[in-house]
PDB file of N, CA and C in Angstrom:
ATOM      1  N   GLU A   1     -41.655 -14.983 -19.263  1.00  0.00           N
ATOM      2  CA  GLU A   1     -42.908 -14.320 -19.624  1.00  0.00           C
ATOM      3  C   GLU A   1     -42.638 -12.961 -20.265  1.00  0.00           C
ATOM      4  N   ALA A   2     -43.508 -12.573 -21.182  1.00  0.00           N
ATOM      5  CA  ALA A   2     -43.315 -11.306 -21.886  1.00  0.00           C
ATOM      6  C   ALA A   2     -43.430 -10.131 -20.915  1.00  0.00           C
ATOM      7  N   ALA A   3     -44.360 -10.222 -19.965  1.00  0.00           N
ATOM      8  CA  ALA A   3     -44.552  -9.121 -19.018  1.00  0.00           C
ATOM      9  C   ALA A   3     -43.302  -8.929 -18.171  1.00  0.00           C
ATOM     10  N   VAL A   4     -42.713 -10.038 -17.744  1.00  0.00           N
ATOM     11  CA  VAL A   4     -41.505  -9.940 -16.918  1.00  0.00           C
ATOM     12  C   VAL A   4     -40.369  -9.333 -17.727  1.00  0.00           C
ATOM     13  N   GLU A   5     -40.258  -9.725 -18.993  1.00  0.00           N
ATOM     14  CA  GLU A   5     -39.210  -9.162 -19.849  1.00  0.00           C
ATOM     15  C   GLU A   5     -39.422  -7.660 -20.027  1.00  0.00           C
ATOM     16  N   ALA A   6     -40.681  -7.245 -20.196  1.00  0.00           N
ATOM     17  CA  ALA A   6     -40.969  -5.824 -20.369  1.00  0.00           C
ATOM     18  C   ALA A   6     -40.594  -5.053 -19.107  1.00  0.00           C
ATOM     19  N   LEU A   7     -40.944  -5.611 -17.944  1.00  0.00           N
ATOM     20  CA  LEU A   7     -40.598  -4.949 -16.686  1.00  0.00           C
ATOM     21  C   LEU A   7     -39.087  -4.843 -16.538  1.00  0.00           C
ATOM     22  N   ARG A   8     -38.387  -5.911 -16.900  1.00  0.00           N
ATOM     23  CA  ARG A   8     -36.929  -5.899 -16.786  1.00  0.00           C
ATOM     24  C   ARG A   8     -36.343  -4.811 -17.679  1.00  0.00           C
ATOM     25  N   GLU A   9     -36.912  -4.676 -18.878  1.00  0.00           N
ATOM     26  CA  GLU A   9     -36.436  -3.653 -19.818  1.00  0.00           C
ATOM     27  C   GLU A   9     -36.681  -2.256 -19.257  1.00  0.00           C
ATOM     28  N   ILE A  10     -37.878  -2.041 -18.679  1.00  0.00           N
ATOM     29  CA  ILE A  10     -38.207  -0.735 -18.101  1.00  0.00           C
ATOM     30  C   ILE A  10     -37.271  -0.422 -16.943  1.00  0.00           C
ATOM     31  N   ASN A  11     -37.019  -1.420 -16.089  1.00  0.00           N
ATOM     32  CA  ASN A  11     -36.122  -1.202 -14.956  1.00  0.00           C
ATOM     33  C   ASN A  11     -34.730  -0.829 -15.433  1.00  0.00           C
ATOM     34  N   ALA A  12     -34.259  -1.503 -16.473  1.00  0.00           N
ATOM     35  CA  ALA A  12     -32.926  -1.202 -16.999  1.00  0.00           C
ATOM     36  C   ALA A  12     -32.878   0.223 -17.532  1.00  0.00           C
ATOM     37  N   GLN A  13     -33.911   0.642 -18.255  1.00  0.00           N
ATOM     38  CA  GLN A  13     -33.935   1.998 -18.813  1.00  0.00           C
ATOM     39  C   GLN A  13     -34.008   3.037 -17.697  1.00  0.00           C
ATOM     40  N   LEU A  14     -34.791   2.751 -16.648  1.00  0.00           N
ATOM     41  CA  LEU A  14     -34.875   3.674 -15.520  1.00  0.00           C
ATOM     42  C   LEU A  14     -33.519   3.811 -14.850  1.00  0.00           C
ATOM     43  N   ARG A  15     -32.833   2.673 -14.667  1.00  0.00           N
ATOM     44  CA  ARG A  15     -31.529   2.704 -14.007  1.00  0.00           C
ATOM     45  C   ARG A  15     -30.549   3.535 -14.827  1.00  0.00           C
ATOM     46  N   ILE A  16     -30.585   3.356 -16.151  1.00  0.00           N
ATOM     47  CA  ILE A  16     -29.691   4.120 -17.024  1.00  0.00           C
ATOM     48  C   ILE A  16     -30.034   5.606 -16.943  1.00  0.00           C
ATOM     49  N   ALA A  17     -31.329   5.924 -16.943  1.00  0.00           N
ATOM     50  CA  ALA A  17     -31.738   7.327 -16.875  1.00  0.00           C
ATOM     51  C   ALA A  17     -31.288   7.950 -15.555  1.00  0.00           C
ATOM     52  N   MET A  18     -31.418   7.192 -14.455  1.00  0.00           N
ATOM     53  CA  MET A  18     -30.998   7.704 -13.153  1.00  0.00           C
ATOM     54  C   MET A  18     -29.488   7.929 -13.137  1.00  0.00           C
ATOM     55  N   LEU A  19     -28.736   6.990 -13.721  1.00  0.00           N
ATOM     56  CA  LEU A  19     -27.281   7.150 -13.775  1.00  0.00           C
ATOM     57  C   LEU A  19     -26.915   8.383 -14.585  1.00  0.00           C
ATOM     58  N   CYS A  20     -27.608   8.576 -15.715  1.00  0.00           N
ATOM     59  CA  CYS A  20     -27.300   9.721 -16.577  1.00  0.00           C
ATOM     60  C   CYS A  20     -27.634  11.029 -15.866  1.00  0.00           C
ATOM     61  N   SER A  21     -28.796  11.100 -15.222  1.00  0.00           N
ATOM     62  CA  SER A  21     -29.180  12.334 -14.543  1.00  0.00           C
ATOM     63  C   SER A  21     -28.273  12.571 -13.345  1.00  0.00           C
ATOM     64  N   GLY A  22     -27.858  11.496 -12.675  1.00  0.00           N
ATOM     65  CA  GLY A  22     -26.927  11.643 -11.554  1.00  0.00           C
ATOM     66  C   GLY A  22     -25.597  12.195 -12.032  1.00  0.00           C
ATOM     67  N   ALA A  23     -25.110  11.699 -13.165  1.00  0.00           N
ATOM     68  CA  ALA A  23     -23.848  12.190 -13.713  1.00  0.00           C
ATOM     69  C   ALA A  23     -23.994  13.649 -14.122  1.00  0.00           C
ATOM     70  N   ALA A  24     -25.148  14.004 -14.689  1.00  0.00           N
ATOM     71  CA  ALA A  24     -25.383  15.389 -15.086  1.00  0.00           C
ATOM     72  C   ALA A  24     -25.416  16.290 -13.852  1.00  0.00           C
ATOM     73  N   ASP A  25     -26.046  15.812 -12.767  1.00  0.00           N
ATOM     74  CA  ASP A  25     -26.084  16.590 -11.528  1.00  0.00           C
ATOM     75  C   ASP A  25     -24.670  16.815 -11.001  1.00  0.00           C
ATOM     76  N   LEU A  26     -23.850  15.753 -11.023  1.00  0.00           N
ATOM     77  CA  LEU A  26     -22.473  15.885 -10.543  1.00  0.00           C
ATOM     78  C   LEU A  26     -21.704  16.881 -11.399  1.00  0.00           C
ATOM     79  N   ALA A  27     -21.890  16.808 -12.717  1.00  0.00           N
ATOM     80  CA  ALA A  27     -21.189  17.737 -13.604  1.00  0.00           C
ATOM     81  C   ALA A  27     -21.643  19.167 -13.329  1.00  0.00           C
ATOM     82  N   ALA A  28     -22.931  19.363 -13.106  1.00  0.00           N
ATOM     83  CA  ALA A  28     -23.453  20.699 -12.823  1.00  0.00           C
ATOM     84  C   ALA A  28     -22.885  21.214 -11.502  1.00  0.00           C
ATOM     85  N   LEU A  29     -22.824  20.334 -10.494  1.00  0.00           N
ATOM     86  CA  LEU A  29     -22.267  20.749  -9.208  1.00  0.00           C
ATOM     87  C   LEU A  29     -20.800  21.125  -9.361  1.00  0.00           C
ATOM     88  N   ARG A  30     -20.088  20.368 -10.198  1.00  0.00           N
ATOM     89  CA  ARG A  30     -18.659  20.605 -10.358  1.00  0.00           C
ATOM     90  C   ARG A  30     -18.409  21.945 -11.049  1.00  0.00           C
ATOM     91  N   THR A  31     -19.297  22.329 -11.972  1.00  0.00           N
ATOM     92  CA  THR A  31     -19.049  23.545 -12.747  1.00  0.00           C
ATOM     93  C   THR A  31     -19.766  24.751 -12.151  1.00  0.00           C
ATOM     94  N   THR A  32     -20.630  24.529 -11.163  1.00  0.00           N
ATOM     95  CA  THR A  32     -21.386  25.634 -10.576  1.00  0.00           C
ATOM     96  C   THR A  32     -20.845  25.943  -9.183  1.00  0.00           C
ATOM     97  N   PRO A  33     -20.576  27.207  -8.886  1.00  0.00           N
ATOM     98  CA  PRO A  33     -20.149  27.569  -7.529  1.00  0.00           C
ATOM     99  C   PRO A  33     -21.195  27.130  -6.514  1.00  0.00           C
ATOM    100  N   LEU A  34     -20.744  26.685  -5.353  1.00  0.00           N
ATOM    101  CA  LEU A  34     -21.668  26.146  -4.357  1.00  0.00           C
ATOM    102  C   LEU A  34     -22.646  27.206  -3.873  1.00  0.00           C
ATOM    103  N   GLN A  35     -22.245  28.480  -3.883  1.00  0.00           N
ATOM    104  CA  GLN A  35     -23.139  29.521  -3.388  1.00  0.00           C
ATOM    105  C   GLN A  35     -24.401  29.617  -4.222  1.00  0.00           C
ATOM    106  N   ARG A  36     -24.309  29.261  -5.518  1.00  0.00           N
ATOM    107  CA  ARG A  36     -25.462  29.416  -6.402  1.00  0.00           C
ATOM    108  C   ARG A  36     -26.395  28.223  -6.333  1.00  0.00           C
ATOM    109  N   SER A  37     -25.973  27.116  -5.722  1.00  0.00           N
ATOM    110  CA  SER A  37     -26.841  25.932  -5.688  1.00  0.00           C
ATOM    111  C   SER A  37     -27.913  26.132  -4.633  1.00  0.00           C
ATOM    112  N   GLY A  38     -29.172  26.234  -5.063  1.00  0.00           N
ATOM    113  CA  GLY A  38     -30.254  26.492  -4.119  1.00  0.00           C
ATOM    114  C   GLY A  38     -30.746  25.235  -3.452  1.00  0.00           C
ATOM    115  N   ALA A  39     -30.621  24.079  -4.121  1.00  0.00           N
ATOM    116  CA  ALA A  39     -31.158  22.839  -3.569  1.00  0.00           C
ATOM    117  C   ALA A  39     -30.135  22.237  -2.626  1.00  0.00           C
TER     118      ALA A  39
END
């Protein structure tokens, strides 16, 4: 079904976005001293 395909596509894009933001968070943590991380 077209709706199922669209949902699958959205889920894939969300997963990729989460992976990218997670990698960016890790890179930021690696380059930022722990004392400055407020969260």
